[in-house]
Amino acid sequence: MLDNWLPFLIYAIFALIIPASMMWFSFVFATRPHKRTRWRELPFESGVSTGAPRVQRFTVSFYLTAMLFIVFDIEIVFLYPLAVILHQLAWFGFLEFLFFIAILVIAYVYVWRKGALDWQ
């Protein structure tokens, strides 16, 4: 019975040891100062202050573009399995591939015409 569970046990041991050792090493070999000083409170060279974080508002077009990118990105991922077995599917697979691409192009043109990709 142990033979069936041995790979899982090895994986579980590594899954526990690796993150624990990373945390331990970060505390042991940390070279950063642990207390606040005047020097640390000065702004960084790039001009970014170490003060309280400011709330930054994004426009709706930013979120819309992000969602559209995710949707089109995920749909493109579905093309990889189809491309792998396209030779086995012959003409049916090719027509299915063209149909899927046509749906993506129609959706992309619709989004483009609606102005969802404009940043103005």
N, C-alpha and C. Protein backbone atom coordinates (compact mmCIF):
# COMPACT_ATOMS: atom_id res chain seq x y z
N MET A 1 0.82 -1.19 0.00
CA MET A 1 0.00 0.00 0.00
C MET A 1 0.87 1.26 0.00
N LEU A 2 2.02 1.20 0.65
CA LEU A 2 2.90 2.36 0.70
C LEU A 2 3.45 2.69 -0.67
N ASP A 3 3.58 1.69 -1.54
CA ASP A 3 4.09 1.94 -2.89
C ASP A 3 3.18 2.88 -3.68
N ASN A 4 1.88 2.80 -3.43
CA ASN A 4 0.94 3.68 -4.14
C ASN A 4 1.03 5.12 -3.62
N TRP A 5 1.32 5.28 -2.35
CA TRP A 5 1.31 6.60 -1.73
C TRP A 5 2.69 7.24 -1.64
N LEU A 6 3.74 6.52 -1.97
CA LEU A 6 5.09 7.03 -1.85
C LEU A 6 5.34 8.27 -2.72
N PRO A 7 4.94 8.31 -3.99
CA PRO A 7 5.15 9.54 -4.77
C PRO A 7 4.40 10.74 -4.18
N PHE A 8 3.20 10.51 -3.69
CA PHE A 8 2.44 11.59 -3.07
C PHE A 8 3.12 12.09 -1.80
N LEU A 9 3.66 11.18 -1.01
CA LEU A 9 4.37 11.57 0.21
C LEU A 9 5.61 12.39 -0.12
N ILE A 10 6.36 11.97 -1.12
CA ILE A 10 7.56 12.72 -1.52
C ILE A 10 7.16 14.12 -1.99
N TYR A 11 6.11 14.19 -2.80
CA TYR A 11 5.63 15.49 -3.28
C TYR A 11 5.17 16.36 -2.12
N ALA A 12 4.45 15.80 -1.16
CA ALA A 12 3.97 16.57 -0.01
C ALA A 12 5.12 17.07 0.84
N ILE A 13 6.14 16.25 1.01
CA ILE A 13 7.30 16.67 1.80
C ILE A 13 8.00 17.84 1.12
N PHE A 14 8.21 17.73 -0.19
CA PHE A 14 8.83 18.85 -0.91
C PHE A 14 7.94 20.09 -0.89
N ALA A 15 6.63 19.89 -0.98
CA ALA A 15 5.70 21.03 -0.98
C ALA A 15 5.72 21.75 0.36
N LEU A 16 6.08 21.08 1.42
CA LEU A 16 6.18 21.72 2.73
C LEU A 16 7.58 22.28 2.99
N ILE A 17 8.59 21.56 2.57
CA ILE A 17 9.96 21.96 2.87
C ILE A 17 10.38 23.19 2.06
N ILE A 18 10.05 23.24 0.80
CA ILE A 18 10.52 24.35 -0.05
C ILE A 18 9.98 25.70 0.42
N PRO A 19 8.67 25.88 0.63
CA PRO A 19 8.22 27.20 1.11
C PRO A 19 8.73 27.52 2.52
N ALA A 20 8.80 26.52 3.39
CA ALA A 20 9.30 26.76 4.75
C ALA A 20 10.76 27.19 4.71
N SER A 21 11.56 26.55 3.88
CA SER A 21 12.97 26.94 3.79
C SER A 21 13.13 28.33 3.18
N MET A 22 12.28 28.69 2.22
CA MET A 22 12.35 30.03 1.64
C MET A 22 12.03 31.08 2.70
N MET A 23 11.03 30.84 3.52
CA MET A 23 10.70 31.79 4.57
C MET A 23 11.83 31.87 5.59
N TRP A 24 12.40 30.75 5.95
CA TRP A 24 13.48 30.72 6.93
C TRP A 24 14.70 31.49 6.39
N PHE A 25 15.08 31.23 5.12
CA PHE A 25 16.21 31.93 4.52
C PHE A 25 15.97 33.44 4.43
N SER A 26 14.72 33.84 4.18
CA SER A 26 14.46 35.28 4.08
C SER A 26 14.64 35.97 5.42
N PHE A 27 14.34 35.29 6.51
CA PHE A 27 14.55 35.90 7.82
C PHE A 27 16.01 35.84 8.26
N VAL A 28 16.69 34.78 7.94
CA VAL A 28 18.08 34.62 8.36
C VAL A 28 19.02 35.53 7.59
N PHE A 29 18.85 35.61 6.28
CA PHE A 29 19.78 36.36 5.45
C PHE A 29 19.28 37.74 5.06
N ALA A 30 18.29 38.24 5.73
CA ALA A 30 17.76 39.57 5.41
C ALA A 30 18.80 40.62 5.77
N THR A 31 19.11 41.49 4.82
CA THR A 31 20.11 42.53 5.06
C THR A 31 19.46 43.91 5.22
N ARG A 32 18.18 43.95 5.23
CA ARG A 32 17.50 45.23 5.36
C ARG A 32 17.47 45.67 6.82
N PRO A 33 17.47 46.97 7.06
CA PRO A 33 17.35 47.44 8.44
C PRO A 33 15.93 47.22 8.95
N HIS A 34 15.83 46.89 10.22
CA HIS A 34 14.53 46.55 10.79
C HIS A 34 13.85 47.71 11.49
N LYS A 35 14.50 48.86 11.55
CA LYS A 35 13.87 50.00 12.23
C LYS A 35 13.77 51.18 11.27
N ARG A 36 12.80 52.04 11.54
CA ARG A 36 12.58 53.22 10.72
C ARG A 36 13.59 54.30 11.09
N THR A 37 14.20 54.88 10.06
CA THR A 37 15.14 55.97 10.27
C THR A 37 14.74 57.13 9.35
N ARG A 38 15.37 58.28 9.61
CA ARG A 38 15.08 59.45 8.77
C ARG A 38 15.50 59.17 7.33
N TRP A 39 16.59 58.48 7.15
CA TRP A 39 17.10 58.14 5.82
C TRP A 39 16.09 57.29 5.04
N ARG A 40 15.45 56.39 5.71
CA ARG A 40 14.48 55.52 5.05
C ARG A 40 13.19 56.26 4.72
N GLU A 41 12.89 57.32 5.42
CA GLU A 41 11.67 58.08 5.18
C GLU A 41 11.78 59.04 4.02
N LEU A 42 12.98 59.28 3.51
CA LEU A 42 13.16 60.18 2.37
C LEU A 42 12.59 59.54 1.10
N PRO A 43 12.15 60.37 0.14
CA PRO A 43 11.64 59.81 -1.11
C PRO A 43 12.72 59.03 -1.86
N PHE A 44 12.27 58.09 -2.65
CA PHE A 44 13.20 57.32 -3.46
C PHE A 44 13.78 58.20 -4.56
N GLU A 45 14.80 57.69 -5.21
CA GLU A 45 15.46 58.45 -6.26
C GLU A 45 14.52 58.74 -7.42
N SER A 46 13.57 57.86 -7.66
CA SER A 46 12.64 58.07 -8.76
C SER A 46 11.52 59.04 -8.40
N GLY A 47 11.49 59.51 -7.17
CA GLY A 47 10.50 60.48 -6.76
C GLY A 47 9.29 59.88 -6.08
N VAL A 48 9.28 58.58 -5.90
CA VAL A 48 8.14 57.92 -5.25
C VAL A 48 8.32 58.03 -3.75
N SER A 49 7.35 58.59 -3.10
CA SER A 49 7.43 58.77 -1.66
C SER A 49 7.09 57.47 -0.93
N THR A 50 7.67 57.29 0.24
CA THR A 50 7.36 56.10 1.04
C THR A 50 6.17 56.34 1.95
N GLY A 51 5.49 57.44 1.77
CA GLY A 51 4.34 57.78 2.61
C GLY A 51 3.17 56.84 2.38
N ALA A 52 2.03 57.25 2.91
CA ALA A 52 0.83 56.44 2.79
C ALA A 52 0.45 56.28 1.31
N PRO A 53 -0.03 55.12 0.94
CA PRO A 53 -0.41 54.92 -0.47
C PRO A 53 -1.62 55.77 -0.83
N ARG A 54 -1.56 56.36 -2.00
CA ARG A 54 -2.68 57.17 -2.48
C ARG A 54 -3.64 56.30 -3.27
N VAL A 55 -4.91 56.62 -3.17
CA VAL A 55 -5.92 55.90 -3.93
C VAL A 55 -5.93 56.44 -5.35
N GLN A 56 -5.75 55.56 -6.31
CA GLN A 56 -5.72 55.96 -7.70
C GLN A 56 -6.94 55.37 -8.39
N ARG A 57 -7.72 56.21 -9.02
CA ARG A 57 -8.93 55.77 -9.68
C ARG A 57 -8.63 55.51 -11.16
N PHE A 58 -9.17 54.42 -11.66
CA PHE A 58 -9.04 54.08 -13.06
C PHE A 58 -10.37 54.30 -13.76
N THR A 59 -10.31 54.63 -15.03
CA THR A 59 -11.55 54.82 -15.78
C THR A 59 -12.16 53.47 -16.12
N VAL A 60 -13.42 53.51 -16.50
CA VAL A 60 -14.12 52.29 -16.87
C VAL A 60 -13.51 51.67 -18.11
N SER A 61 -12.98 52.48 -19.00
CA SER A 61 -12.38 51.93 -20.23
C SER A 61 -11.17 51.06 -19.93
N PHE A 62 -10.47 51.37 -18.85
CA PHE A 62 -9.34 50.53 -18.46
C PHE A 62 -9.81 49.12 -18.11
N TYR A 63 -10.86 49.03 -17.29
CA TYR A 63 -11.39 47.72 -16.90
C TYR A 63 -12.02 47.00 -18.08
N LEU A 64 -12.70 47.74 -18.94
CA LEU A 64 -13.31 47.13 -20.11
C LEU A 64 -12.25 46.55 -21.03
N THR A 65 -11.18 47.29 -21.25
CA THR A 65 -10.10 46.78 -22.09
C THR A 65 -9.44 45.56 -21.46
N ALA A 66 -9.27 45.58 -20.16
CA ALA A 66 -8.68 44.42 -19.47
C ALA A 66 -9.58 43.19 -19.61
N MET A 67 -10.87 43.38 -19.44
CA MET A 67 -11.79 42.23 -19.58
C MET A 67 -11.81 41.71 -21.01
N LEU A 68 -11.79 42.61 -21.98
CA LEU A 68 -11.78 42.17 -23.37
C LEU A 68 -10.49 41.42 -23.70
N PHE A 69 -9.38 41.90 -23.17
CA PHE A 69 -8.12 41.19 -23.39
C PHE A 69 -8.19 39.78 -22.82
N ILE A 70 -8.73 39.64 -21.62
CA ILE A 70 -8.82 38.31 -21.01
C ILE A 70 -9.74 37.41 -21.82
N VAL A 71 -10.89 37.93 -22.26
CA VAL A 71 -11.82 37.12 -23.04
C VAL A 71 -11.18 36.65 -24.34
N PHE A 72 -10.56 37.56 -25.09
CA PHE A 72 -9.95 37.17 -26.35
C PHE A 72 -8.73 36.27 -26.13
N ASP A 73 -8.01 36.50 -25.06
CA ASP A 73 -6.86 35.66 -24.75
C ASP A 73 -7.29 34.23 -24.44
N ILE A 74 -8.34 34.09 -23.67
CA ILE A 74 -8.82 32.75 -23.32
C ILE A 74 -9.38 32.05 -24.56
N GLU A 75 -10.06 32.79 -25.42
CA GLU A 75 -10.59 32.16 -26.64
C GLU A 75 -9.46 31.70 -27.56
N ILE A 76 -8.37 32.44 -27.60
CA ILE A 76 -7.24 32.03 -28.44
C ILE A 76 -6.61 30.75 -27.89
N VAL A 77 -6.65 30.57 -26.58
CA VAL A 77 -6.09 29.35 -25.98
C VAL A 77 -6.83 28.12 -26.48
N PHE A 78 -8.12 28.26 -26.81
CA PHE A 78 -8.88 27.12 -27.33
C PHE A 78 -8.42 26.71 -28.72
N LEU A 79 -7.65 27.53 -29.40
CA LEU A 79 -7.17 27.17 -30.72
C LEU A 79 -6.02 26.16 -30.67
N TYR A 80 -5.27 26.12 -29.60
CA TYR A 80 -4.13 25.21 -29.52
C TYR A 80 -4.53 23.74 -29.60
N PRO A 81 -5.50 23.26 -28.81
CA PRO A 81 -5.88 21.85 -28.96
C PRO A 81 -6.43 21.54 -30.35
N LEU A 82 -7.16 22.48 -30.91
CA LEU A 82 -7.68 22.26 -32.26
C LEU A 82 -6.55 22.19 -33.28
N ALA A 83 -5.54 23.02 -33.11
CA ALA A 83 -4.41 23.00 -34.03
C ALA A 83 -3.61 21.71 -33.92
N VAL A 84 -3.58 21.12 -32.74
CA VAL A 84 -2.82 19.88 -32.55
C VAL A 84 -3.47 18.72 -33.29
N ILE A 85 -4.79 18.64 -33.26
CA ILE A 85 -5.48 17.50 -33.90
C ILE A 85 -6.13 17.89 -35.22
N LEU A 86 -5.75 19.00 -35.79
CA LEU A 86 -6.36 19.46 -37.03
C LEU A 86 -6.16 18.48 -38.17
N HIS A 87 -5.00 17.85 -38.23
CA HIS A 87 -4.73 16.89 -39.30
C HIS A 87 -5.64 15.67 -39.19
N GLN A 88 -5.94 15.24 -37.98
CA GLN A 88 -6.81 14.09 -37.78
C GLN A 88 -8.27 14.40 -38.10
N LEU A 89 -8.67 15.64 -37.91
CA LEU A 89 -10.07 16.01 -38.14
C LEU A 89 -10.37 16.29 -39.61
N ALA A 90 -9.36 16.46 -40.40
CA ALA A 90 -9.48 16.69 -41.84
C ALA A 90 -10.31 17.94 -42.13
N TRP A 91 -11.21 17.85 -43.10
CA TRP A 91 -11.97 19.03 -43.52
C TRP A 91 -12.94 19.51 -42.46
N PHE A 92 -13.52 18.59 -41.70
CA PHE A 92 -14.43 19.01 -40.63
C PHE A 92 -13.70 19.89 -39.62
N GLY A 93 -12.51 19.51 -39.24
CA GLY A 93 -11.72 20.30 -38.30
C GLY A 93 -11.34 21.65 -38.88
N PHE A 94 -10.99 21.66 -40.19
CA PHE A 94 -10.63 22.92 -40.82
C PHE A 94 -11.82 23.88 -40.86
N LEU A 95 -13.00 23.36 -41.20
CA LEU A 95 -14.20 24.21 -41.24
C LEU A 95 -14.57 24.68 -39.83
N GLU A 96 -14.41 23.82 -38.85
CA GLU A 96 -14.65 24.22 -37.46
C GLU A 96 -13.67 25.31 -37.03
N PHE A 97 -12.44 25.17 -37.43
CA PHE A 97 -11.41 26.17 -37.15
C PHE A 97 -11.78 27.50 -37.79
N LEU A 98 -12.20 27.51 -39.04
CA LEU A 98 -12.60 28.74 -39.72
C LEU A 98 -13.83 29.36 -39.07
N PHE A 99 -14.77 28.54 -38.64
CA PHE A 99 -15.98 29.05 -37.98
C PHE A 99 -15.61 29.74 -36.67
N PHE A 100 -14.74 29.13 -35.90
CA PHE A 100 -14.31 29.72 -34.63
C PHE A 100 -13.58 31.03 -34.86
N ILE A 101 -12.70 31.07 -35.84
CA ILE A 101 -11.97 32.29 -36.17
C ILE A 101 -12.94 33.37 -36.64
N ALA A 102 -13.96 32.99 -37.42
CA ALA A 102 -14.94 33.96 -37.89
C ALA A 102 -15.71 34.57 -36.72
N ILE A 103 -16.07 33.77 -35.73
CA ILE A 103 -16.75 34.29 -34.55
C ILE A 103 -15.85 35.27 -33.81
N LEU A 104 -14.57 34.94 -33.66
CA LEU A 104 -13.63 35.85 -33.00
C LEU A 104 -13.47 37.15 -33.77
N VAL A 105 -13.39 37.08 -35.08
CA VAL A 105 -13.22 38.29 -35.89
C VAL A 105 -14.47 39.16 -35.80
N ILE A 106 -15.65 38.55 -35.87
CA ILE A 106 -16.90 39.31 -35.76
C ILE A 106 -16.98 40.00 -34.40
N ALA A 107 -16.64 39.28 -33.34
CA ALA A 107 -16.67 39.88 -32.00
C ALA A 107 -15.65 41.00 -31.87
N TYR A 108 -14.48 40.81 -32.44
CA TYR A 108 -13.44 41.85 -32.38
C TYR A 108 -13.87 43.10 -33.14
N VAL A 109 -14.44 42.93 -34.33
CA VAL A 109 -14.90 44.08 -35.11
C VAL A 109 -16.05 44.79 -34.38
N TYR A 110 -16.95 44.03 -33.78
CA TYR A 110 -18.05 44.64 -33.02
C TYR A 110 -17.52 45.50 -31.87
N VAL A 111 -16.58 44.96 -31.13
CA VAL A 111 -16.00 45.70 -30.00
C VAL A 111 -15.26 46.93 -30.51
N TRP A 112 -14.58 46.79 -31.61
CA TRP A 112 -13.84 47.91 -32.19
C TRP A 112 -14.78 49.01 -32.66
N ARG A 113 -15.88 48.63 -33.33
CA ARG A 113 -16.85 49.62 -33.82
C ARG A 113 -17.57 50.32 -32.69
N LYS A 114 -17.79 49.61 -31.59
CA LYS A 114 -18.45 50.22 -30.43
C LYS A 114 -17.54 51.21 -29.72
N GLY A 115 -16.24 51.19 -30.03
CA GLY A 115 -15.30 52.13 -29.43
C GLY A 115 -14.75 51.68 -28.08
N ALA A 116 -14.87 50.38 -27.80
CA ALA A 116 -14.39 49.90 -26.50
C ALA A 116 -12.87 49.86 -26.42
N LEU A 117 -12.20 49.93 -27.55
CA LEU A 117 -10.74 49.87 -27.54
C LEU A 117 -10.10 51.25 -27.63
N ASP A 118 -10.90 52.31 -27.67
CA ASP A 118 -10.36 53.67 -27.72
C ASP A 118 -9.97 54.12 -26.33
N TRP A 119 -8.83 54.80 -26.22
CA TRP A 119 -8.31 55.25 -24.93
C TRP A 119 -8.52 56.74 -24.69
N GLN A 120 -9.42 57.36 -25.40
CA GLN A 120 -9.62 58.79 -25.26
C GLN A 120 -10.63 59.13 -24.19
